[in-house]
Amino acid sequence: MSACSWLPSRARDEAEAAARVEAARQPAPRTVAADGTPLVRFDGVEIEKVPFQAGVSSVTVERMARQHDCVGGLGAGLVSAPGPVEIYRMACDNGKVFMARCELRQCKAM
């Protein structure tokens, strides 16, 4: 016997093989989103870029953003599902982000 173990060598080999098979079944970490854009990891959490999508209140949110010294980019994009309550995000030229919540087209800065 070369090593001290409570398992016989054959059982130990089978247990190691089973562990390798289980590890192979685990999905590999994703590196790209469904649309092909790269994923970013921050503290172990995947951050997926959301493609720009205009919503019914995009223009209203862009006007609100201008009042908060936020201009530029593609404009205000919808980041939630369309519906009675929507969340909009706008990237500003100065590096800040303006977000607003609109409920039945009544918008408030977040």
PDB file of N, CA and C in Angstrom:
ATOM      1  N   MET A   1       0.836  -1.185   0.000  1.00  0.00           N
ATOM      2  CA  MET A   1       0.000   0.000   0.000  1.00  0.00           C
ATOM      3  C   MET A   1       0.873   1.238   0.000  1.00  0.00           C
ATOM      4  N   SER A   2       0.563   2.148  -0.886  1.00  0.00           N
ATOM      5  CA  SER A   2       1.383   3.348  -0.986  1.00  0.00           C
ATOM      6  C   SER A   2       0.845   4.500  -0.166  1.00  0.00           C
ATOM      7  N   ALA A   3      -0.443   4.533   0.088  1.00  0.00           N
ATOM      8  CA  ALA A   3      -1.027   5.647   0.837  1.00  0.00           C
ATOM      9  C   ALA A   3      -1.933   5.100   1.929  1.00  0.00           C
ATOM     10  N   CYS A   4      -2.089   5.908   2.940  1.00  0.00           N
ATOM     11  CA  CYS A   4      -2.938   5.523   4.054  1.00  0.00           C
ATOM     12  C   CYS A   4      -4.331   6.092   3.806  1.00  0.00           C
ATOM     13  N   SER A   5      -5.321   5.259   3.711  1.00  0.00           N
ATOM     14  CA  SER A   5      -6.680   5.705   3.461  1.00  0.00           C
ATOM     15  C   SER A   5      -7.638   4.688   4.050  1.00  0.00           C
ATOM     16  N   TRP A   6      -8.799   5.115   4.425  1.00  0.00           N
ATOM     17  CA  TRP A   6      -9.779   4.203   4.959  1.00  0.00           C
ATOM     18  C   TRP A   6     -10.516   3.474   3.836  1.00  0.00           C
ATOM     19  N   LEU A   7     -10.394   4.004   2.578  1.00  0.00           N
ATOM     20  CA  LEU A   7     -11.013   3.341   1.446  1.00  0.00           C
ATOM     21  C   LEU A   7     -10.006   2.412   0.773  1.00  0.00           C
ATOM     22  N   PRO A   8     -10.427   1.249   0.349  1.00  0.00           N
ATOM     23  CA  PRO A   8      -9.537   0.421  -0.461  1.00  0.00           C
ATOM     24  C   PRO A   8      -9.199   1.164  -1.750  1.00  0.00           C
ATOM     25  N   SER A   9      -8.082   0.842  -2.357  1.00  0.00           N
ATOM     26  CA  SER A   9      -7.611   1.602  -3.514  1.00  0.00           C
ATOM     27  C   SER A   9      -8.624   1.596  -4.658  1.00  0.00           C
ATOM     28  N   ARG A  10      -9.319   0.504  -4.910  1.00  0.00           N
ATOM     29  CA  ARG A  10     -10.299   0.452  -5.994  1.00  0.00           C
ATOM     30  C   ARG A  10     -11.482   1.381  -5.698  1.00  0.00           C
ATOM     31  N   ALA A  11     -11.986   1.387  -4.497  1.00  0.00           N
ATOM     32  CA  ALA A  11     -13.097   2.272  -4.124  1.00  0.00           C
ATOM     33  C   ALA A  11     -12.662   3.731  -4.210  1.00  0.00           C
ATOM     34  N   ARG A  12     -11.418   4.005  -3.788  1.00  0.00           N
ATOM     35  CA  ARG A  12     -10.913   5.375  -3.857  1.00  0.00           C
ATOM     36  C   ARG A  12     -10.821   5.820  -5.316  1.00  0.00           C
ATOM     37  N   ASP A  13     -10.331   4.951  -6.208  1.00  0.00           N
ATOM     38  CA  ASP A  13     -10.238   5.277  -7.637  1.00  0.00           C
ATOM     39  C   ASP A  13     -11.617   5.528  -8.229  1.00  0.00           C
ATOM     40  N   GLU A  14     -12.595   4.722  -7.834  1.00  0.00           N
ATOM     41  CA  GLU A  14     -13.959   4.918  -8.334  1.00  0.00           C
ATOM     42  C   GLU A  14     -14.546   6.235  -7.826  1.00  0.00           C
ATOM     43  N   ALA A  15     -14.269   6.577  -6.581  1.00  0.00           N
ATOM     44  CA  ALA A  15     -14.773   7.838  -6.023  1.00  0.00           C
ATOM     45  C   ALA A  15     -14.144   9.029  -6.740  1.00  0.00           C
ATOM     46  N   GLU A  16     -12.853   8.949  -7.028  1.00  0.00           N
ATOM     47  CA  GLU A  16     -12.176  10.032  -7.762  1.00  0.00           C
ATOM     48  C   GLU A  16     -12.728  10.159  -9.176  1.00  0.00           C
ATOM     49  N   ALA A  17     -12.984   9.038  -9.832  1.00  0.00           N
ATOM     50  CA  ALA A  17     -13.548   9.043 -11.182  1.00  0.00           C
ATOM     51  C   ALA A  17     -14.949   9.656 -11.168  1.00  0.00           C
ATOM     52  N   ALA A  18     -15.753   9.295 -10.162  1.00  0.00           N
ATOM     53  CA  ALA A  18     -17.100   9.866 -10.049  1.00  0.00           C
ATOM     54  C   ALA A  18     -17.029  11.375  -9.822  1.00  0.00           C
ATOM     55  N   ALA A  19     -16.074  11.847  -9.045  1.00  0.00           N
ATOM     56  CA  ALA A  19     -15.914  13.280  -8.800  1.00  0.00           C
ATOM     57  C   ALA A  19     -15.513  14.005 -10.083  1.00  0.00           C
ATOM     58  N   ARG A  20     -14.648  13.381 -10.893  1.00  0.00           N
ATOM     59  CA  ARG A  20     -14.243  13.999 -12.160  1.00  0.00           C
ATOM     60  C   ARG A  20     -15.423  14.083 -13.122  1.00  0.00           C
ATOM     61  N   VAL A  21     -16.257  13.033 -13.163  1.00  0.00           N
ATOM     62  CA  VAL A  21     -17.431  13.038 -14.039  1.00  0.00           C
ATOM     63  C   VAL A  21     -18.399  14.137 -13.604  1.00  0.00           C
ATOM     64  N   GLU A  22     -18.617  14.270 -12.304  1.00  0.00           N
ATOM     65  CA  GLU A  22     -19.525  15.310 -11.794  1.00  0.00           C
ATOM     66  C   GLU A  22     -19.001  16.705 -12.127  1.00  0.00           C
ATOM     67  N   ALA A  23     -17.688  16.898 -11.997  1.00  0.00           N
ATOM     68  CA  ALA A  23     -17.089  18.198 -12.328  1.00  0.00           C
ATOM     69  C   ALA A  23     -17.244  18.495 -13.810  1.00  0.00           C
ATOM     70  N   ALA A  24     -17.155  17.486 -14.654  1.00  0.00           N
ATOM     71  CA  ALA A  24     -17.307  17.688 -16.094  1.00  0.00           C
ATOM     72  C   ALA A  24     -18.747  18.045 -16.459  1.00  0.00           C
ATOM     73  N   ARG A  25     -19.721  17.619 -15.648  1.00  0.00           N
ATOM     74  CA  ARG A  25     -21.128  17.927 -15.923  1.00  0.00           C
ATOM     75  C   ARG A  25     -21.488  19.374 -15.624  1.00  0.00           C
ATOM     76  N   GLN A  26     -20.712  20.025 -14.779  1.00  0.00           N
ATOM     77  CA  GLN A  26     -20.992  21.416 -14.433  1.00  0.00           C
ATOM     78  C   GLN A  26     -20.800  22.283 -15.675  1.00  0.00           C
ATOM     79  N   PRO A  27     -21.732  23.200 -15.968  1.00  0.00           N
ATOM     80  CA  PRO A  27     -21.565  24.038 -17.148  1.00  0.00           C
ATOM     81  C   PRO A  27     -20.385  24.994 -16.958  1.00  0.00           C
ATOM     82  N   ALA A  28     -19.713  25.253 -18.049  1.00  0.00           N
ATOM     83  CA  ALA A  28     -18.601  26.212 -18.011  1.00  0.00           C
ATOM     84  C   ALA A  28     -19.170  27.607 -17.816  1.00  0.00           C
ATOM     85  N   PRO A  29     -18.439  28.495 -17.152  1.00  0.00           N
ATOM     86  CA  PRO A  29     -18.934  29.865 -16.990  1.00  0.00           C
ATOM     87  C   PRO A  29     -19.111  30.536 -18.347  1.00  0.00           C
ATOM     88  N   ARG A  30     -20.213  31.252 -18.473  1.00  0.00           N
ATOM     89  CA  ARG A  30     -20.484  31.937 -19.746  1.00  0.00           C
ATOM     90  C   ARG A  30     -19.525  33.103 -19.915  1.00  0.00           C
ATOM     91  N   THR A  31     -19.105  33.327 -21.147  1.00  0.00           N
ATOM     92  CA  THR A  31     -18.245  34.469 -21.433  1.00  0.00           C
ATOM     93  C   THR A  31     -18.929  35.461 -22.361  1.00  0.00           C
ATOM     94  N   VAL A  32     -20.022  35.033 -23.003  1.00  0.00           N
ATOM     95  CA  VAL A  32     -20.777  35.931 -23.873  1.00  0.00           C
ATOM     96  C   VAL A  32     -22.255  35.796 -23.573  1.00  0.00           C
ATOM     97  N   ALA A  33     -22.984  36.878 -23.797  1.00  0.00           N
ATOM     98  CA  ALA A  33     -24.433  36.882 -23.594  1.00  0.00           C
ATOM     99  C   ALA A  33     -25.109  36.220 -24.790  1.00  0.00           C
ATOM    100  N   ALA A  34     -26.405  36.091 -24.729  1.00  0.00           N
ATOM    101  CA  ALA A  34     -27.172  35.445 -25.793  1.00  0.00           C
ATOM    102  C   ALA A  34     -27.014  36.182 -27.128  1.00  0.00           C
ATOM    103  N   ASP A  35     -26.832  37.509 -27.088  1.00  0.00           N
ATOM    104  CA  ASP A  35     -26.689  38.270 -28.330  1.00  0.00           C
ATOM    105  C   ASP A  35     -25.239  38.378 -28.788  1.00  0.00           C
ATOM    106  N   GLY A  36     -24.302  37.729 -28.087  1.00  0.00           N
ATOM    107  CA  GLY A  36     -22.904  37.741 -28.498  1.00  0.00           C
ATOM    108  C   GLY A  36     -22.046  38.787 -27.819  1.00  0.00           C
ATOM    109  N   THR A  37     -22.638  39.673 -27.018  1.00  0.00           N
ATOM    110  CA  THR A  37     -21.836  40.676 -26.322  1.00  0.00           C
ATOM    111  C   THR A  37     -21.111  40.031 -25.154  1.00  0.00           C
ATOM    112  N   PRO A  38     -19.887  40.479 -24.893  1.00  0.00           N
ATOM    113  CA  PRO A  38     -19.132  39.857 -23.799  1.00  0.00           C
ATOM    114  C   PRO A  38     -19.743  40.152 -22.438  1.00  0.00           C
ATOM    115  N   LEU A  39     -19.661  39.168 -21.543  1.00  0.00           N
ATOM    116  CA  LEU A  39     -20.127  39.344 -20.172  1.00  0.00           C
ATOM    117  C   LEU A  39     -18.973  39.854 -19.320  1.00  0.00           C
ATOM    118  N   VAL A  40     -19.286  40.658 -18.362  1.00  0.00           N
ATOM    119  CA  VAL A  40     -18.303  41.178 -17.429  1.00  0.00           C
ATOM    120  C   VAL A  40     -18.593  40.554 -16.075  1.00  0.00           C
ATOM    121  N   ARG A  41     -17.576  40.168 -15.359  1.00  0.00           N
ATOM    122  CA  ARG A  41     -17.758  39.625 -14.014  1.00  0.00           C
ATOM    123  C   ARG A  41     -17.298  40.671 -13.008  1.00  0.00           C
ATOM    124  N   PHE A  42     -18.124  40.908 -11.999  1.00  0.00           N
ATOM    125  CA  PHE A  42     -17.818  41.848 -10.937  1.00  0.00           C
ATOM    126  C   PHE A  42     -18.114  41.160  -9.624  1.00  0.00           C
ATOM    127  N   ASP A  43     -17.094  40.898  -8.840  1.00  0.00           N
ATOM    128  CA  ASP A  43     -17.242  40.188  -7.561  1.00  0.00           C
ATOM    129  C   ASP A  43     -17.980  38.864  -7.726  1.00  0.00           C
ATOM    130  N   GLY A  44     -17.673  38.146  -8.798  1.00  0.00           N
ATOM    131  CA  GLY A  44     -18.271  36.840  -9.017  1.00  0.00           C
ATOM    132  C   GLY A  44     -19.666  36.871  -9.602  1.00  0.00           C
ATOM    133  N   VAL A  45     -20.196  38.050  -9.913  1.00  0.00           N
ATOM    134  CA  VAL A  45     -21.544  38.174 -10.452  1.00  0.00           C
ATOM    135  C   VAL A  45     -21.438  38.551 -11.928  1.00  0.00           C
ATOM    136  N   GLU A  46     -22.209  37.852 -12.764  1.00  0.00           N
ATOM    137  CA  GLU A  46     -22.217  38.174 -14.181  1.00  0.00           C
ATOM    138  C   GLU A  46     -23.016  39.454 -14.413  1.00  0.00           C
ATOM    139  N   ILE A  47     -22.427  40.352 -15.182  1.00  0.00           N
ATOM    140  CA  ILE A  47     -23.117  41.583 -15.561  1.00  0.00           C
ATOM    141  C   ILE A  47     -23.306  41.521 -17.062  1.00  0.00           C
ATOM    142  N   GLU A  48     -24.541  41.445 -17.478  1.00  0.00           N
ATOM    143  CA  GLU A  48     -24.844  41.320 -18.894  1.00  0.00           C
ATOM    144  C   GLU A  48     -25.294  42.666 -19.432  1.00  0.00           C
ATOM    145  N   LYS A  49     -24.715  43.081 -20.553  1.00  0.00           N
ATOM    146  CA  LYS A  49     -25.133  44.329 -21.171  1.00  0.00           C
ATOM    147  C   LYS A  49     -26.519  44.139 -21.776  1.00  0.00           C
ATOM    148  N   VAL A  50     -27.384  45.092 -21.548  1.00  0.00           N
ATOM    149  CA  VAL A  50     -28.735  45.048 -22.079  1.00  0.00           C
ATOM    150  C   VAL A  50     -28.748  45.844 -23.373  1.00  0.00           C
ATOM    151  N   PRO A  51     -29.226  45.263 -24.465  1.00  0.00           N
ATOM    152  CA  PRO A  51     -29.260  46.023 -25.718  1.00  0.00           C
ATOM    153  C   PRO A  51     -30.203  47.214 -25.591  1.00  0.00           C
ATOM    154  N   PHE A  52     -29.876  48.306 -26.288  1.00  0.00           N
ATOM    155  CA  PHE A  52     -30.697  49.510 -26.227  1.00  0.00           C
ATOM    156  C   PHE A  52     -32.064  49.223 -26.811  1.00  0.00           C
ATOM    157  N   GLN A  53     -33.086  49.653 -26.077  1.00  0.00           N
ATOM    158  CA  GLN A  53     -34.464  49.521 -26.529  1.00  0.00           C
ATOM    159  C   GLN A  53     -35.218  50.760 -26.076  1.00  0.00           C
ATOM    160  N   ALA A  54     -35.752  51.489 -27.017  1.00  0.00           N
ATOM    161  CA  ALA A  54     -36.546  52.670 -26.682  1.00  0.00           C
ATOM    162  C   ALA A  54     -37.896  52.221 -26.142  1.00  0.00           C
ATOM    163  N   GLY A  55     -38.461  53.025 -25.253  1.00  0.00           N
ATOM    164  CA  GLY A  55     -39.776  52.753 -24.689  1.00  0.00           C
ATOM    165  C   GLY A  55     -40.705  53.920 -24.925  1.00  0.00           C
ATOM    166  N   VAL A  56     -41.935  53.801 -24.465  1.00  0.00           N
ATOM    167  CA  VAL A  56     -42.931  54.859 -24.700  1.00  0.00           C
ATOM    168  C   VAL A  56     -42.581  56.140 -23.948  1.00  0.00           C
ATOM    169  N   SER A  57     -41.793  56.044 -22.866  1.00  0.00           N
ATOM    170  CA  SER A  57     -41.446  57.237 -22.086  1.00  0.00           C
ATOM    171  C   SER A  57     -39.993  57.658 -22.266  1.00  0.00           C
ATOM    172  N   SER A  58     -39.315  57.160 -23.295  1.00  0.00           N
ATOM    173  CA  SER A  58     -37.902  57.499 -23.506  1.00  0.00           C
ATOM    174  C   SER A  58     -37.689  59.004 -23.642  1.00  0.00           C
ATOM    175  N   VAL A  59     -38.523  59.672 -24.413  1.00  0.00           N
ATOM    176  CA  VAL A  59     -38.355  61.113 -24.632  1.00  0.00           C
ATOM    177  C   VAL A  59     -38.563  61.879 -23.332  1.00  0.00           C
ATOM    178  N   THR A  60     -39.542  61.483 -22.554  1.00  0.00           N
ATOM    179  CA  THR A  60     -39.799  62.131 -21.268  1.00  0.00           C
ATOM    180  C   THR A  60     -38.600  61.990 -20.340  1.00  0.00           C
ATOM    181  N   VAL A  61     -38.035  60.795 -20.285  1.00  0.00           N
ATOM    182  CA  VAL A  61     -36.871  60.554 -19.423  1.00  0.00           C
ATOM    183  C   VAL A  61     -35.670  61.336 -19.928  1.00  0.00           C
ATOM    184  N   GLU A  62     -35.478  61.452 -21.234  1.00  0.00           N
ATOM    185  CA  GLU A  62     -34.370  62.239 -21.783  1.00  0.00           C
ATOM    186  C   GLU A  62     -34.503  63.709 -21.397  1.00  0.00           C
ATOM    187  N   ARG A  63     -35.722  64.240 -21.410  1.00  0.00           N
ATOM    188  CA  ARG A  63     -35.939  65.631 -20.978  1.00  0.00           C
ATOM    189  C   ARG A  63     -35.606  65.792 -19.495  1.00  0.00           C
ATOM    190  N   MET A  64     -36.032  64.824 -18.684  1.00  0.00           N
ATOM    191  CA  MET A  64     -35.716  64.872 -17.250  1.00  0.00           C
ATOM    192  C   MET A  64     -34.207  64.804 -17.040  1.00  0.00           C
ATOM    193  N   ALA A  65     -33.527  63.977 -17.805  1.00  0.00           N
ATOM    194  CA  ALA A  65     -32.081  63.820 -17.667  1.00  0.00           C
ATOM    195  C   ALA A  65     -31.366  65.134 -17.995  1.00  0.00           C
ATOM    196  N   ARG A  66     -31.830  65.844 -19.020  1.00  0.00           N
ATOM    197  CA  ARG A  66     -31.219  67.139 -19.369  1.00  0.00           C
ATOM    198  C   ARG A  66     -31.329  68.134 -18.211  1.00  0.00           C
ATOM    199  N   GLN A  67     -32.408  68.066 -17.454  1.00  0.00           N
ATOM    200  CA  GLN A  67     -32.569  68.943 -16.295  1.00  0.00           C
ATOM    201  C   GLN A  67     -31.577  68.594 -15.194  1.00  0.00           C
ATOM    202  N   HIS A  68     -31.038  67.375 -15.209  1.00  0.00           N
ATOM    203  CA  HIS A  68     -30.041  66.935 -14.235  1.00  0.00           C
ATOM    204  C   HIS A  68     -28.638  66.929 -14.851  1.00  0.00           C
ATOM    205  N   ASP A  69     -28.428  67.749 -15.892  1.00  0.00           N
ATOM    206  CA  ASP A  69     -27.128  67.873 -16.580  1.00  0.00           C
ATOM    207  C   ASP A  69     -26.631  66.548 -17.139  1.00  0.00           C
ATOM    208  N   CYS A  70     -27.512  65.780 -17.714  1.00  0.00           N
ATOM    209  CA  CYS A  70     -27.165  64.506 -18.333  1.00  0.00           C
ATOM    210  C   CYS A  70     -27.579  64.558 -19.792  1.00  0.00           C
ATOM    211  N   VAL A  71     -26.594  64.527 -20.679  1.00  0.00           N
ATOM    212  CA  VAL A  71     -26.857  64.508 -22.117  1.00  0.00           C
ATOM    213  C   VAL A  71     -25.935  63.485 -22.762  1.00  0.00           C
ATOM    214  N   GLY A  72     -26.294  63.071 -23.968  1.00  0.00           N
ATOM    215  CA  GLY A  72     -25.420  62.208 -24.752  1.00  0.00           C
ATOM    216  C   GLY A  72     -25.872  60.777 -24.833  1.00  0.00           C
ATOM    217  N   GLY A  73     -25.016  59.977 -25.468  1.00  0.00           N
ATOM    218  CA  GLY A  73     -25.302  58.557 -25.618  1.00  0.00           C
ATOM    219  C   GLY A  73     -26.433  58.302 -26.587  1.00  0.00           C
ATOM    220  N   LEU A  74     -27.006  57.142 -26.495  1.00  0.00           N
ATOM    221  CA  LEU A  74     -28.120  56.759 -27.357  1.00  0.00           C
ATOM    222  C   LEU A  74     -29.441  57.343 -26.887  1.00  0.00           C
ATOM    223  N   GLY A  75     -29.488  57.814 -25.665  1.00  0.00           N
ATOM    224  CA  GLY A  75     -30.724  58.311 -25.088  1.00  0.00           C
ATOM    225  C   GLY A  75     -31.179  57.390 -23.977  1.00  0.00           C
ATOM    226  N   ALA A  76     -32.418  57.540 -23.573  1.00  0.00           N
ATOM    227  CA  ALA A  76     -32.962  56.746 -22.472  1.00  0.00           C
ATOM    228  C   ALA A  76     -33.472  55.417 -23.010  1.00  0.00           C
ATOM    229  N   GLY A  77     -32.899  54.352 -22.514  1.00  0.00           N
ATOM    230  CA  GLY A  77     -33.286  53.015 -22.946  1.00  0.00           C
ATOM    231  C   GLY A  77     -34.069  52.291 -21.877  1.00  0.00           C
ATOM    232  N   LEU A  78     -34.991  51.478 -22.309  1.00  0.00           N
ATOM    233  CA  LEU A  78     -35.823  50.680 -21.417  1.00  0.00           C
ATOM    234  C   LEU A  78     -35.016  49.482 -20.936  1.00  0.00           C
ATOM    235  N   VAL A  79     -34.883  49.316 -19.615  1.00  0.00           N
ATOM    236  CA  VAL A  79     -34.124  48.187 -19.071  1.00  0.00           C
ATOM    237  C   VAL A  79     -35.026  47.157 -18.391  1.00  0.00           C
ATOM    238  N   SER A  80     -36.296  47.437 -18.269  1.00  0.00           N
ATOM    239  CA  SER A  80     -37.241  46.473 -17.699  1.00  0.00           C
ATOM    240  C   SER A  80     -38.180  46.011 -18.810  1.00  0.00           C
ATOM    241  N   ALA A  81     -39.050  45.106 -18.472  1.00  0.00           N
ATOM    242  CA  ALA A  81     -40.043  44.655 -19.442  1.00  0.00           C
ATOM    243  C   ALA A  81     -41.070  45.767 -19.669  1.00  0.00           C
ATOM    244  N   PRO A  82     -41.548  45.927 -20.908  1.00  0.00           N
ATOM    245  CA  PRO A  82     -42.588  46.933 -21.143  1.00  0.00           C
ATOM    246  C   PRO A  82     -43.842  46.589 -20.351  1.00  0.00           C
ATOM    247  N   GLY A  83     -44.480  47.606 -19.836  1.00  0.00           N
ATOM    248  CA  GLY A  83     -45.689  47.387 -19.052  1.00  0.00           C
ATOM    249  C   GLY A  83     -46.098  48.647 -18.339  1.00  0.00           C
ATOM    250  N   PRO A  84     -46.947  48.538 -17.338  1.00  0.00           N
ATOM    251  CA  PRO A  84     -47.412  49.730 -16.629  1.00  0.00           C
ATOM    252  C   PRO A  84     -46.298  50.392 -15.811  1.00  0.00           C
ATOM    253  N   VAL A  85     -45.326  49.608 -15.340  1.00  0.00           N
ATOM    254  CA  VAL A  85     -44.180  50.163 -14.610  1.00  0.00           C
ATOM    255  C   VAL A  85     -42.924  49.823 -15.392  1.00  0.00           C
ATOM    256  N   GLU A  86     -42.176  50.862 -15.765  1.00  0.00           N
ATOM    257  CA  GLU A  86     -40.968  50.669 -16.576  1.00  0.00           C
ATOM    258  C   GLU A  86     -39.791  51.400 -15.939  1.00  0.00           C
ATOM    259  N   ILE A  87     -38.603  50.852 -16.136  1.00  0.00           N
ATOM    260  CA  ILE A  87     -37.367  51.460 -15.641  1.00  0.00           C
ATOM    261  C   ILE A  87     -36.526  51.854 -16.853  1.00  0.00           C
ATOM    262  N   TYR A  88     -36.040  53.083 -16.844  1.00  0.00           N
ATOM    263  CA  TYR A  88     -35.220  53.600 -17.938  1.00  0.00           C
ATOM    264  C   TYR A  88     -33.835  53.956 -17.411  1.00  0.00           C
ATOM    265  N   ARG A  89     -32.844  53.810 -18.288  1.00  0.00           N
ATOM    266  CA  ARG A  89     -31.459  54.131 -17.950  1.00  0.00           C
ATOM    267  C   ARG A  89     -30.868  54.930 -19.095  1.00  0.00           C
ATOM    268  N   MET A  90     -30.094  55.962 -18.733  1.00  0.00           N
ATOM    269  CA  MET A  90     -29.428  56.788 -19.737  1.00  0.00           C
ATOM    270  C   MET A  90     -28.003  57.047 -19.293  1.00  0.00           C
ATOM    271  N   ALA A  91     -27.041  56.720 -20.168  1.00  0.00           N
ATOM    272  CA  ALA A  91     -25.631  56.983 -19.888  1.00  0.00           C
ATOM    273  C   ALA A  91     -25.320  58.417 -20.293  1.00  0.00           C
ATOM    274  N   CYS A  92     -24.752  59.180 -19.373  1.00  0.00           N
ATOM    275  CA  CYS A  92     -24.431  60.586 -19.620  1.00  0.00           C
ATOM    276  C   CYS A  92     -23.005  60.715 -20.162  1.00  0.00           C
ATOM    277  N   ASP A  93     -22.746  61.817 -20.868  1.00  0.00           N
ATOM    278  CA  ASP A  93     -21.402  62.074 -21.389  1.00  0.00           C
ATOM    279  C   ASP A  93     -20.379  62.254 -20.277  1.00  0.00           C
ATOM    280  N   ASN A  94     -20.809  62.731 -19.113  1.00  0.00           N
ATOM    281  CA  ASN A  94     -19.870  62.978 -18.012  1.00  0.00           C
ATOM    282  C   ASN A  94     -19.562  61.711 -17.211  1.00  0.00           C
ATOM    283  N   GLY A  95     -20.047  60.541 -17.671  1.00  0.00           N
ATOM    284  CA  GLY A  95     -19.752  59.275 -17.020  1.00  0.00           C
ATOM    285  C   GLY A  95     -20.799  58.828 -16.013  1.00  0.00           C
ATOM    286  N   LYS A  96     -21.726  59.685 -15.676  1.00  0.00           N
ATOM    287  CA  LYS A  96     -22.781  59.309 -14.729  1.00  0.00           C
ATOM    288  C   LYS A  96     -23.898  58.563 -15.449  1.00  0.00           C
ATOM    289  N   VAL A  97     -24.789  57.997 -14.660  1.00  0.00           N
ATOM    290  CA  VAL A  97     -25.936  57.275 -15.203  1.00  0.00           C
ATOM    291  C   VAL A  97     -27.196  57.885 -14.598  1.00  0.00           C
ATOM    292  N   PHE A  98     -28.168  58.184 -15.448  1.00  0.00           N
ATOM    293  CA  PHE A  98     -29.448  58.710 -14.992  1.00  0.00           C
ATOM    294  C   PHE A  98     -30.476  57.602 -15.148  1.00  0.00           C
ATOM    295  N   MET A  99     -31.230  57.348 -14.081  1.00  0.00           N
ATOM    296  CA  MET A  99     -32.273  56.327 -14.129  1.00  0.00           C
ATOM    297  C   MET A  99     -33.600  56.921 -13.690  1.00  0.00           C
ATOM    298  N   ALA A 100     -34.654  56.407 -14.270  1.00  0.00           N
ATOM    299  CA  ALA A 100     -35.998  56.887 -13.933  1.00  0.00           C
ATOM    300  C   ALA A 100     -36.966  55.712 -13.929  1.00  0.00           C
ATOM    301  N   ARG A 101     -37.986  55.851 -13.099  1.00  0.00           N
ATOM    302  CA  ARG A 101     -39.054  54.851 -13.002  1.00  0.00           C
ATOM    303  C   ARG A 101     -40.326  55.520 -13.483  1.00  0.00           C
ATOM    304  N   CYS A 102     -40.979  54.881 -14.433  1.00  0.00           N
ATOM    305  CA  CYS A 102     -42.209  55.436 -14.990  1.00  0.00           C
ATOM    306  C   CYS A 102     -43.358  54.475 -14.716  1.00  0.00           C
ATOM    307  N   GLU A 103     -44.400  55.010 -14.122  1.00  0.00           N
ATOM    308  CA  GLU A 103     -45.606  54.217 -13.868  1.00  0.00           C
ATOM    309  C   GLU A 103     -46.754  54.874 -14.600  1.00  0.00           C
ATOM    310  N   LEU A 104     -47.309  54.144 -15.558  1.00  0.00           N
ATOM    311  CA  LEU A 104     -48.381  54.667 -16.412  1.00  0.00           C
ATOM    312  C   LEU A 104     -47.988  56.023 -16.997  1.00  0.00           C
ATOM    313  N   ARG A 105     -46.757  56.077 -17.519  1.00  0.00           N
ATOM    314  CA  ARG A 105     -46.161  57.238 -18.195  1.00  0.00           C
ATOM    315  C   ARG A 105     -45.916  58.432 -17.284  1.00  0.00           C
ATOM    316  N   GLN A 106     -45.993  58.250 -15.985  1.00  0.00           N
ATOM    317  CA  GLN A 106     -45.635  59.286 -15.010  1.00  0.00           C
ATOM    318  C   GLN A 106     -44.240  58.927 -14.480  1.00  0.00           C
ATOM    319  N   CYS A 107     -43.247  59.723 -14.835  1.00  0.00           N
ATOM    320  CA  CYS A 107     -41.863  59.367 -14.555  1.00  0.00           C
ATOM    321  C   CYS A 107     -41.279  60.157 -13.395  1.00  0.00           C
ATOM    322  N   LYS A 108     -40.407  59.498 -12.631  1.00  0.00           N
ATOM    323  CA  LYS A 108     -39.678  60.120 -11.518  1.00  0.00           C
ATOM    324  C   LYS A 108     -38.245  59.645 -11.558  1.00  0.00           C
ATOM    325  N   ALA A 109     -37.322  60.550 -11.263  1.00  0.00           N
ATOM    326  CA  ALA A 109     -35.912  60.180 -11.218  1.00  0.00           C
ATOM    327  C   ALA A 109     -35.680  59.231 -10.059  1.00  0.00           C
ATOM    328  N   MET A 110     -34.766  58.310 -10.232  1.00  0.00           N
ATOM    329  CA  MET A 110     -34.441  57.358  -9.167  1.00  0.00           C
ATOM    330  C   MET A 110     -33.169  57.813  -8.459  1.00  0.00           C
TER     331      MET A 110
END
